Amino acid sequence: MIVNLAERAHNHNWRLDPITRSLLDTDFYKLLMLQFIWKHFPKVEVTFTLVNRTKQVRLAERISVDEVRQQLDHVRKLRFHRSELIWLAGNTFYGKRGIFEPDFLEWLERDFQLPDYHLSVVDGELSLTFHGTWTQTTLWEVYALSILSELKTRASLREMSEFSLDILYARAKANLWSKIERLRGVPGLRVADFGTRRRHSFLWQEYVVKAMRDTLGDSFTGSSNTYLAYKHDLEAIGTNAHELPMALAAMAADDEELKHSQYHVLQLWQNTYQRELLIMLPDTFGTTQFLADAPDWVADWTGQRMDSKNPFVAGGEYIEWIKSRGRDAENKLIIASDGLDVAQILGLHAYFSGEILGNATPQDFRNATDFLDANKWNPQRRIRFSSGWGTLLTNDFRGCDPSGGNGFDPISLVCKLSEANGRPAVKLSDNYAKAMGPSEEVARYRRVFGSAGLTNVPAIV
């Protein structure tokens, strides 16, 4: 059934319409990390804090605080359904059945409940934090971000007539189609939906995911949204995130343990999942230093997700590192996931695979990166490549508002771990603009980890 998005937007009673419909409406890696935390760190206390990196948009001036409370309170009442847990228990993920342990699923059904939150307004901006045991608190991250993103959308929709809404969604659909059309028929292309946390709305994400599935076929590898994977029989995509090394680093006893914590978390992870799900995310404290000092066994992991470094640079750096450790790069996998749009997806795919056919044009590659020449592809950089397409897949309404406004433009909103067992958590990132934590702790981490390979570019999403 085709949903009339404009009609739904015009006729909704917003106060009664929940944004989060299921606790499965989260990124799949959050559930994998939750099981990891439940096994190894069940008593750790943490705090998550909302950060709006788009300073010119003050959310409290756009969104009703009462609506935020209503949506957050609704999520706190949700519980995992028995049918959802049966699916988690019996489904095959990454070719393996039984990734989730029976005792963990029983705990989800019997004991899991989101803790309370702390919400206020400071200088026109929302202040939102979550505190509690790590096991109970970690899932708040994606629920909070998707709620705030959709409430921002709803605030702008309320100001529009039904006719204007028709135009808005017609333009957005045309924009989506123009992107998908350029991806059709590209040999070997692999792209997944990573757009839950900053989506335009749940309904739009679902519409986008079904459009990708129906038009891209096997090139569309699945969705990071567990609920949409469950509902539409898709592959659930995701492994782990910055949260884990940030927490272990925060709890480190000294600088030596701090430096080693980024590898200790990988040891625990591979033991937990019997050497499955081995995609590392090395940029929490800087990719270059991570690779330089990594134990040799890290090179046996399946691949790497590239998040905050130019993915052309990060992919090349990983390939050279793999070769220096005596492994075959063509058997490895790299995943790009930071602020991607269609031109960069095509450019990266061509750069690392050499495939430039289908509906792509030379213009796609020229626009992707200054140093890519699709006609002079170098087989020495061949590696398996996949894209995690996020905000600019599920929330690209730029230029779609018939009034010419920018109220639907996505903003860079994050909800990150800020404390673990009362000690501040830090993320350095490969991009100085994405560093997080108290200034004195950031300075300490930079002394321990160094600044090799770090750059400073604006954080778009």
Protein backbone atom coordinates (compact mmCIF):
# COMPACT_ATOMS: atom_id res chain seq x y z
CA MET A 1 0.00 0.00 0.00
CA ILE A 2 1.33 3.46 -0.93
CA VAL A 3 1.19 5.90 1.98
CA ASN A 4 -0.04 9.40 1.15
CA LEU A 5 2.64 11.21 3.13
CA ALA A 6 1.18 14.67 2.59
CA GLU A 7 -2.28 13.58 3.79
CA ARG A 8 -0.82 11.84 6.83
CA ALA A 9 1.24 14.93 7.67
CA HIS A 10 -1.80 17.20 7.33
CA ASN A 11 -4.29 15.08 9.28
CA HIS A 12 -2.21 13.67 12.15
CA ASN A 13 -3.15 14.49 15.70
CA TRP A 14 0.48 15.06 16.67
CA ARG A 15 -0.04 14.72 20.41
CA LEU A 16 -1.29 11.17 19.99
CA ASP A 17 1.03 10.00 17.25
CA PRO A 18 4.06 8.15 18.66
CA ILE A 19 7.32 8.52 16.80
CA THR A 20 8.93 5.39 18.24
CA ARG A 21 6.54 2.50 17.68
CA SER A 22 8.76 -0.35 18.84
CA LEU A 23 11.97 -0.80 20.82
CA LEU A 24 13.32 -2.51 17.69
CA ASP A 25 13.17 0.92 16.00
CA THR A 26 16.89 1.42 16.61
CA ASP A 27 20.17 0.71 14.88
CA PHE A 28 21.05 -2.99 14.88
CA TYR A 29 24.51 -2.33 16.30
CA LYS A 30 22.89 -0.92 19.46
CA LEU A 31 21.39 -4.34 20.19
CA LEU A 32 24.67 -6.12 19.48
CA MET A 33 26.50 -3.68 21.75
CA LEU A 34 23.79 -4.03 24.41
CA GLN A 35 24.39 -7.79 24.59
CA PHE A 36 28.15 -7.12 24.82
CA ILE A 37 27.59 -4.62 27.66
CA TRP A 38 25.17 -6.99 29.42
CA LYS A 39 27.83 -9.73 29.40
CA HIS A 40 30.88 -7.69 30.43
CA PHE A 41 29.82 -4.43 32.09
CA PRO A 42 26.38 -4.91 33.70
CA LYS A 43 27.07 -2.62 36.68
CA VAL A 44 28.77 0.29 34.94
CA GLU A 45 26.96 3.62 35.37
CA VAL A 46 26.93 5.98 32.38
CA THR A 47 25.58 9.31 31.18
CA PHE A 48 24.58 10.18 27.60
CA THR A 49 24.33 13.84 26.58
CA LEU A 50 22.64 15.50 23.61
CA VAL A 51 24.86 17.76 21.50
CA ASN A 52 23.61 19.98 18.68
CA ARG A 53 26.58 20.73 16.41
CA THR A 54 24.43 22.96 14.17
CA LYS A 55 24.72 25.99 16.42
CA GLN A 56 22.53 28.29 14.31
CA VAL A 57 19.47 26.07 14.89
CA ARG A 58 18.20 26.29 18.47
CA LEU A 59 15.91 23.32 18.91
CA ALA A 60 13.99 24.68 21.88
CA GLU A 61 12.87 27.56 19.66
CA ARG A 62 11.57 25.12 17.03
CA ILE A 63 10.23 22.22 19.11
CA SER A 64 7.74 22.14 21.98
CA VAL A 65 9.43 20.86 25.14
CA ASP A 66 6.10 19.34 26.20
CA GLU A 67 6.00 17.30 22.98
CA VAL A 68 9.54 16.09 23.61
CA ARG A 69 8.49 14.91 27.07
CA GLN A 70 5.40 13.16 25.71
CA GLN A 71 7.44 11.26 23.13
CA LEU A 72 10.18 10.32 25.61
CA ASP A 73 7.59 9.22 28.18
CA HIS A 74 5.91 7.07 25.54
CA VAL A 75 9.17 5.27 24.74
CA ARG A 76 9.74 4.54 28.44
CA LYS A 77 6.45 2.60 28.45
CA LEU A 78 7.45 0.36 25.56
CA ARG A 79 8.62 -3.22 26.07
CA PHE A 80 10.05 -5.77 23.65
CA HIS A 81 7.28 -7.92 22.20
CA ARG A 82 7.54 -11.69 22.34
CA SER A 83 7.29 -11.90 18.51
CA GLU A 84 10.22 -9.48 18.17
CA LEU A 85 12.38 -11.52 20.54
CA ILE A 86 11.49 -14.74 18.71
CA TRP A 87 12.68 -13.06 15.50
CA LEU A 88 15.96 -11.98 17.15
CA ALA A 89 16.44 -15.51 18.47
CA GLY A 90 15.67 -17.39 15.28
CA ASN A 91 16.71 -15.10 12.46
CA THR A 92 20.00 -15.39 10.58
CA PHE A 93 22.26 -12.34 10.87
CA TYR A 94 25.39 -12.16 8.71
CA GLY A 95 24.86 -15.80 7.83
CA LYS A 96 24.81 -16.95 11.46
CA ARG A 97 21.85 -18.04 13.57
CA GLY A 98 21.83 -17.62 17.34
CA ILE A 99 23.85 -14.40 17.63
CA PHE A 100 21.63 -13.34 20.53
CA GLU A 101 21.90 -15.60 23.58
CA PRO A 102 18.71 -17.01 25.16
CA ASP A 103 19.59 -15.54 28.59
CA PHE A 104 20.07 -12.10 27.05
CA LEU A 105 16.72 -12.24 25.24
CA GLU A 106 15.05 -13.40 28.45
CA TRP A 107 16.58 -10.42 30.23
CA LEU A 108 15.27 -8.08 27.53
CA GLU A 109 11.75 -9.43 28.03
CA ARG A 110 11.84 -9.61 31.82
CA ASP A 111 14.01 -6.72 33.02
CA PHE A 112 14.75 -4.16 30.33
CA GLN A 113 13.29 -0.68 30.81
CA LEU A 114 14.68 2.67 29.78
CA PRO A 115 15.62 4.90 32.75
CA ASP A 116 14.32 8.41 33.30
CA TYR A 117 15.76 11.43 31.50
CA HIS A 118 16.64 15.01 32.41
CA LEU A 119 15.23 17.65 30.05
CA SER A 120 15.48 21.43 30.30
CA VAL A 121 16.03 24.52 28.16
CA VAL A 122 19.28 26.49 28.34
CA ASP A 123 19.68 29.64 26.21
CA GLY A 124 17.08 28.50 23.69
CA GLU A 125 18.66 25.08 23.30
CA LEU A 126 17.43 21.73 24.58
CA SER A 127 19.49 20.17 27.35
CA LEU A 128 18.86 16.42 27.45
CA THR A 129 20.77 13.78 29.39
CA PHE A 130 20.22 10.14 30.31
CA HIS A 131 21.84 8.49 33.34
CA GLY A 132 21.74 4.96 34.69
CA THR A 133 23.32 1.56 34.29
CA TRP A 134 24.92 1.17 30.89
CA THR A 135 22.65 -1.76 30.03
CA GLN A 136 19.49 0.26 30.66
CA THR A 137 20.69 3.57 29.22
CA THR A 138 22.50 2.83 25.95
CA LEU A 139 19.39 2.40 23.78
CA TRP A 140 18.20 5.93 24.60
CA GLU A 141 20.67 7.34 22.03
CA VAL A 142 18.87 6.47 18.80
CA TYR A 143 15.35 6.87 20.21
CA ALA A 144 16.17 10.39 21.39
CA LEU A 145 17.79 11.45 18.12
CA SER A 146 15.01 10.11 15.89
CA ILE A 147 12.37 11.70 18.13
CA LEU A 148 13.99 15.14 18.02
CA SER A 149 14.59 14.93 14.28
CA GLU A 150 10.97 14.04 13.56
CA LEU A 151 9.61 16.66 15.98
CA LYS A 152 11.64 19.25 14.07
CA THR A 153 10.02 17.94 10.88
CA ARG A 154 6.53 18.07 12.39
CA ALA A 155 7.02 21.65 13.56
CA SER A 156 7.74 22.71 9.96
CA LEU A 157 4.91 20.60 8.51
CA ARG A 158 2.34 22.32 10.74
CA GLU A 159 3.03 25.61 8.99
CA MET A 160 2.11 24.25 5.55
CA SER A 161 -1.15 23.85 3.65
CA GLU A 162 -2.08 20.44 2.29
CA PHE A 163 -1.25 21.62 -1.23
CA SER A 164 2.20 22.79 -0.11
CA LEU A 165 2.71 19.41 1.55
CA ASP A 166 1.87 17.70 -1.73
CA ILE A 167 4.54 19.77 -3.47
CA LEU A 168 7.07 19.12 -0.69
CA TYR A 169 6.73 15.34 -0.90
CA ALA A 170 6.48 15.29 -4.69
CA ARG A 171 9.81 17.11 -4.89
CA ALA A 172 11.36 14.84 -2.23
CA LYS A 173 10.23 11.73 -4.12
CA ALA A 174 11.63 13.09 -7.37
CA ASN A 175 14.90 13.89 -5.62
CA LEU A 176 15.03 10.37 -4.17
CA TRP A 177 14.34 8.82 -7.57
CA SER A 178 17.07 10.87 -9.25
CA LYS A 179 19.54 9.48 -6.72
CA ILE A 180 18.39 5.87 -6.96
CA GLU A 181 18.38 6.01 -10.77
CA ARG A 182 22.08 6.87 -10.79
CA LEU A 183 22.81 3.78 -8.69
CA ARG A 184 20.83 1.28 -10.74
CA GLY A 185 22.82 -1.24 -12.71
CA VAL A 186 26.24 -0.37 -11.28
CA PRO A 187 28.09 -3.72 -11.13
CA GLY A 188 29.05 -4.87 -7.64
CA LEU A 189 27.47 -1.89 -5.90
CA ARG A 190 26.59 -2.45 -2.21
CA VAL A 191 24.63 0.17 -0.29
CA ALA A 192 22.61 0.00 2.95
CA ASP A 193 20.28 2.36 4.79
CA PHE A 194 22.00 3.92 7.83
CA GLY A 195 19.52 6.76 8.25
CA THR A 196 17.50 6.11 11.42
CA ARG A 197 18.92 8.65 13.84
CA ARG A 198 18.46 11.78 11.70
CA ARG A 199 15.55 10.74 9.50
CA HIS A 200 12.84 13.10 8.29
CA SER A 201 10.26 10.77 9.86
CA PHE A 202 9.64 7.09 10.46
CA LEU A 203 7.16 6.92 7.57
CA TRP A 204 9.61 8.57 5.18
CA GLN A 205 12.42 6.23 6.16
CA GLU A 206 10.13 3.27 5.58
CA TYR A 207 9.12 4.70 2.18
CA VAL A 208 12.78 5.20 1.24
CA VAL A 209 13.81 1.71 2.35
CA LYS A 210 11.02 0.07 0.33
CA ALA A 211 11.95 2.20 -2.71
CA MET A 212 15.59 1.12 -2.43
CA ARG A 213 14.63 -2.53 -2.03
CA ASP A 214 12.25 -2.48 -4.99
CA THR A 215 14.54 -0.68 -7.44
CA LEU A 216 18.11 -1.67 -6.52
CA GLY A 217 17.61 -5.38 -5.93
CA ASP A 218 20.70 -7.12 -4.57
CA SER A 219 22.68 -3.87 -4.58
CA PHE A 220 20.58 -2.78 -1.61
CA THR A 221 22.03 -4.87 1.20
CA GLY A 222 19.62 -3.97 4.00
CA SER A 223 18.91 -1.48 6.76
CA SER A 224 20.52 -0.59 10.06
CA ASN A 225 16.98 -0.10 11.39
CA THR A 226 16.14 -3.34 13.18
CA TYR A 227 12.39 -2.77 13.11
CA LEU A 228 12.31 -2.16 9.35
CA ALA A 229 14.47 -5.24 8.82
CA TYR A 230 12.03 -7.24 10.97
CA LYS A 231 8.93 -5.82 9.28
CA HIS A 232 10.12 -6.07 5.67
CA ASP A 233 12.32 -9.17 5.79
CA LEU A 234 15.57 -7.30 5.17
CA GLU A 235 19.10 -7.89 6.37
CA ALA A 236 19.80 -6.00 9.61
CA ILE A 237 23.12 -4.16 9.16
CA GLY A 238 25.60 -3.03 11.82
CA THR A 239 28.24 -4.16 14.31
CA ASN A 240 29.61 -1.64 16.85
CA ALA A 241 30.23 2.06 17.43
CA HIS A 242 32.43 4.63 19.20
CA GLU A 243 30.58 4.17 22.48
CA LEU A 244 32.49 1.01 23.44
CA PRO A 245 36.09 2.32 23.17
CA MET A 246 35.00 5.62 24.71
CA ALA A 247 33.67 3.85 27.80
CA LEU A 248 36.67 1.56 28.24
CA ALA A 249 39.02 4.50 27.81
CA ALA A 250 37.13 6.53 30.41
CA MET A 251 37.48 3.70 32.92
CA ALA A 252 41.21 3.16 32.26
CA ALA A 253 43.39 3.38 35.36
CA ASP A 254 46.33 5.21 33.76
CA ASP A 255 47.72 6.44 30.44
CA GLU A 256 49.15 3.05 29.49
CA GLU A 257 45.80 1.33 30.04
CA LEU A 258 44.12 4.21 28.21
CA LYS A 259 46.28 3.63 25.11
CA HIS A 260 45.64 -0.13 25.17
CA SER A 261 41.87 0.16 25.78
CA GLN A 262 41.13 0.62 22.05
CA TYR A 263 42.52 -2.87 21.41
CA HIS A 264 41.18 -4.46 24.59
CA VAL A 265 37.63 -3.73 23.47
CA LEU A 266 38.31 -5.58 20.20
CA GLN A 267 39.59 -8.61 22.14
CA LEU A 268 36.41 -8.70 24.21
CA TRP A 269 34.25 -8.23 21.12
CA GLN A 270 35.75 -11.05 19.09
CA ASN A 271 35.55 -13.40 22.08
CA THR A 272 31.90 -12.46 22.66
CA TYR A 273 30.85 -13.09 19.05
CA GLN A 274 33.11 -16.09 18.33
CA ARG A 275 35.15 -14.16 15.78
CA GLU A 276 32.05 -13.00 13.87
CA LEU A 277 31.00 -9.38 13.20
CA LEU A 278 34.64 -8.29 12.94
CA ILE A 279 34.30 -4.81 11.46
CA MET A 280 36.43 -2.36 13.42
CA LEU A 281 35.87 1.37 13.86
CA PRO A 282 39.35 2.75 14.55
CA ASP A 283 38.76 6.50 14.43
CA THR A 284 37.54 7.05 18.01
CA PHE A 285 40.98 8.38 18.98
CA GLY A 286 42.47 8.64 15.48
CA THR A 287 42.80 6.01 12.76
CA THR A 288 46.48 6.60 11.96
CA GLN A 289 47.72 5.98 15.50
CA PHE A 290 45.33 3.02 15.89
CA LEU A 291 46.73 1.22 12.86
CA ALA A 292 50.35 2.09 13.64
CA ASP A 293 50.26 0.45 17.08
CA ALA A 294 47.66 -2.28 16.53
CA PRO A 295 48.58 -5.86 17.51
CA ASP A 296 49.05 -8.14 14.50
CA TRP A 297 45.85 -10.11 15.20
CA VAL A 298 43.79 -6.98 14.45
CA ALA A 299 44.75 -7.39 10.78
CA ASP A 300 42.76 -10.64 10.77
CA TRP A 301 39.51 -8.75 11.31
CA THR A 302 37.15 -8.67 8.32
CA GLY A 303 37.42 -4.95 7.66
CA GLN A 304 36.94 -1.39 8.78
CA ARG A 305 34.19 1.21 8.90
CA MET A 306 35.40 4.69 7.92
CA ASP A 307 33.54 7.42 9.73
CA SER A 308 35.26 10.76 10.27
CA LYS A 309 38.19 10.74 7.82
CA ASN A 310 37.98 11.39 4.09
CA PRO A 311 36.99 7.86 2.99
CA PHE A 312 39.28 7.90 -0.05
CA VAL A 313 42.21 8.61 2.28
CA ALA A 314 41.02 6.26 5.03
CA GLY A 315 40.45 3.39 2.60
CA GLY A 316 43.88 3.81 1.04
CA GLU A 317 45.48 3.97 4.48
CA TYR A 318 43.76 0.74 5.50
CA ILE A 319 44.80 -1.05 2.30
CA GLU A 320 48.45 -0.10 2.78
CA TRP A 321 48.30 -1.21 6.42
CA ILE A 322 46.73 -4.56 5.52
CA LYS A 323 49.44 -5.17 2.93
CA SER A 324 52.17 -4.19 5.41
CA ARG A 325 50.80 -6.88 7.75
CA GLY A 326 51.03 -9.52 5.03
CA ARG A 327 47.27 -9.86 4.37
CA ASP A 328 45.36 -9.74 1.09
CA ALA A 329 43.43 -6.47 0.82
CA GLU A 330 41.06 -7.87 -1.82
CA ASN A 331 39.58 -10.19 0.82
CA LYS A 332 38.88 -7.30 3.21
CA LEU A 333 35.89 -4.95 3.43
CA ILE A 334 35.69 -1.21 3.98
CA ILE A 335 32.44 0.60 4.78
CA ALA A 336 31.99 4.36 4.35
CA SER A 337 29.27 5.95 6.46
CA ASP A 338 29.87 9.64 7.15
CA GLY A 339 27.68 12.17 5.36
CA LEU A 340 27.51 10.20 2.12
CA ASP A 341 25.44 11.17 -0.89
CA VAL A 342 25.05 9.53 -4.26
CA ALA A 343 28.03 11.12 -6.04
CA GLN A 344 30.44 10.15 -3.29
CA ILE A 345 28.99 6.62 -3.12
CA LEU A 346 29.58 6.19 -6.85
CA GLY A 347 33.01 7.75 -6.68
CA LEU A 348 34.14 5.55 -3.80
CA HIS A 349 32.76 2.44 -5.47
CA ALA A 350 34.66 3.26 -8.65
CA TYR A 351 37.81 4.18 -6.76
CA PHE A 352 38.04 0.91 -4.85
CA SER A 353 36.43 -1.53 -7.31
CA GLY A 354 37.02 -0.05 -10.75
CA GLU A 355 33.35 -0.51 -11.73
CA ILE A 356 31.89 2.62 -13.41
CA LEU A 357 29.03 1.24 -15.51
CA GLY A 358 25.26 1.41 -15.09
CA ASN A 359 23.49 4.79 -15.02
CA ALA A 360 26.49 6.57 -13.51
CA THR A 361 28.16 9.25 -15.59
CA PRO A 362 31.72 10.64 -15.60
CA GLN A 363 30.33 13.71 -13.85
CA ASP A 364 29.49 11.56 -10.83
CA PHE A 365 33.15 10.71 -10.38
CA ARG A 366 34.59 14.15 -11.08
CA ASN A 367 32.36 15.57 -8.38
CA ALA A 368 33.21 12.88 -5.85
CA THR A 369 36.81 13.78 -5.09
CA ASP A 370 39.56 16.03 -6.45
CA PHE A 371 42.02 13.19 -6.89
CA LEU A 372 39.83 10.50 -8.44
CA ASP A 373 40.25 9.82 -12.14
CA ALA A 374 37.85 7.01 -13.03
CA ASN A 375 39.66 6.43 -16.32
CA LYS A 376 42.97 5.69 -14.58
CA TRP A 377 41.88 3.19 -11.99
CA ASN A 378 44.68 1.54 -10.02
CA PRO A 379 44.12 -2.19 -9.32
CA GLN A 380 46.49 -1.90 -6.33
CA ARG A 381 43.65 -0.28 -4.36
CA ARG A 382 41.07 -3.02 -5.03
CA ILE A 383 39.09 -3.97 -1.93
CA ARG A 384 35.51 -4.94 -1.20
CA PHE A 385 33.51 -1.76 -0.59
CA SER A 386 30.09 -0.95 0.84
CA SER A 387 28.28 2.29 1.70
CA GLY A 388 26.14 3.06 4.73
CA TRP A 389 23.90 5.84 3.41
CA GLY A 390 22.47 7.89 6.27
CA THR A 391 21.07 11.38 6.66
CA LEU A 392 21.19 12.38 2.99
CA LEU A 393 19.17 9.29 2.12
CA THR A 394 16.43 9.53 4.76
CA ASN A 395 16.36 13.28 5.36
CA ASP A 396 17.31 15.14 2.19
CA PHE A 397 14.52 17.69 1.75
CA ARG A 398 16.91 20.48 0.81
CA GLY A 399 15.25 22.72 -1.76
CA CYS A 400 11.93 20.85 -1.55
CA ASP A 401 9.95 23.40 0.49
CA PRO A 402 7.77 25.40 -1.97
CA SER A 403 8.11 28.46 0.27
CA GLY A 404 11.87 28.45 -0.27
CA GLY A 405 12.64 27.99 3.43
CA ASN A 406 15.25 25.72 4.96
CA GLY A 407 13.27 24.40 7.93
CA PHE A 408 13.52 20.84 6.60
CA ASP A 409 17.30 20.87 6.19
CA PRO A 410 18.94 18.20 8.39
CA ILE A 411 21.07 19.26 11.33
CA SER A 412 24.07 17.59 12.99
CA LEU A 413 22.58 16.23 16.18
CA VAL A 414 24.34 13.57 18.30
CA CYS A 415 23.71 11.91 21.65
CA LYS A 416 27.04 10.61 22.93
CA LEU A 417 28.42 8.87 25.97
CA SER A 418 29.71 11.63 28.25
CA GLU A 419 30.56 9.71 31.46
CA ALA A 420 31.36 6.16 32.51
CA ASN A 421 31.49 5.33 36.20
CA GLY A 422 31.63 9.05 36.96
CA ARG A 423 34.65 9.73 34.73
CA PRO A 424 34.43 11.86 31.58
CA ALA A 425 34.29 10.14 28.20
CA VAL A 426 36.21 11.57 25.24
CA LYS A 427 36.07 11.15 21.48
CA LEU A 428 38.93 12.64 19.48
CA SER A 429 37.79 11.53 16.00
CA ASP A 430 39.80 11.92 12.80
CA ASN A 431 38.14 15.33 12.48
CA TYR A 432 38.94 18.01 15.05
CA ALA A 433 35.44 19.43 14.55
CA LYS A 434 33.92 16.22 15.97
CA ALA A 435 36.02 16.01 19.14
CA MET A 436 33.95 15.68 22.32
CA GLY A 437 34.75 15.87 26.02
CA PRO A 438 36.09 18.31 28.64
CA SER A 439 38.95 20.37 27.22
CA GLU A 440 41.47 19.16 29.79
CA GLU A 441 40.62 15.51 29.05
CA VAL A 442 40.75 16.09 25.28
CA ALA A 443 44.23 17.56 25.77
CA ARG A 444 45.28 14.51 27.81
CA TYR A 445 43.94 12.09 25.18
CA ARG A 446 45.78 13.97 22.43
CA ARG A 447 48.98 13.64 24.45
CA VAL A 448 48.43 9.88 24.82
CA PHE A 449 47.18 9.11 21.31
CA GLY A 450 48.78 11.90 19.32
CA SER A 451 47.27 13.84 16.41
CA ALA A 452 48.69 12.01 13.40
CA GLY A 453 46.32 11.99 10.43
CA LEU A 454 43.73 14.30 12.01
CA THR A 455 42.11 17.06 9.94
CA ASN A 456 39.68 19.89 10.60
CA VAL A 457 36.63 20.04 8.34
CA PRO A 458 33.03 21.18 9.04
CA ALA A 459 30.68 18.51 10.46
CA ILE A 460 27.74 18.51 8.02
CA VAL A 461 25.70 15.65 9.51
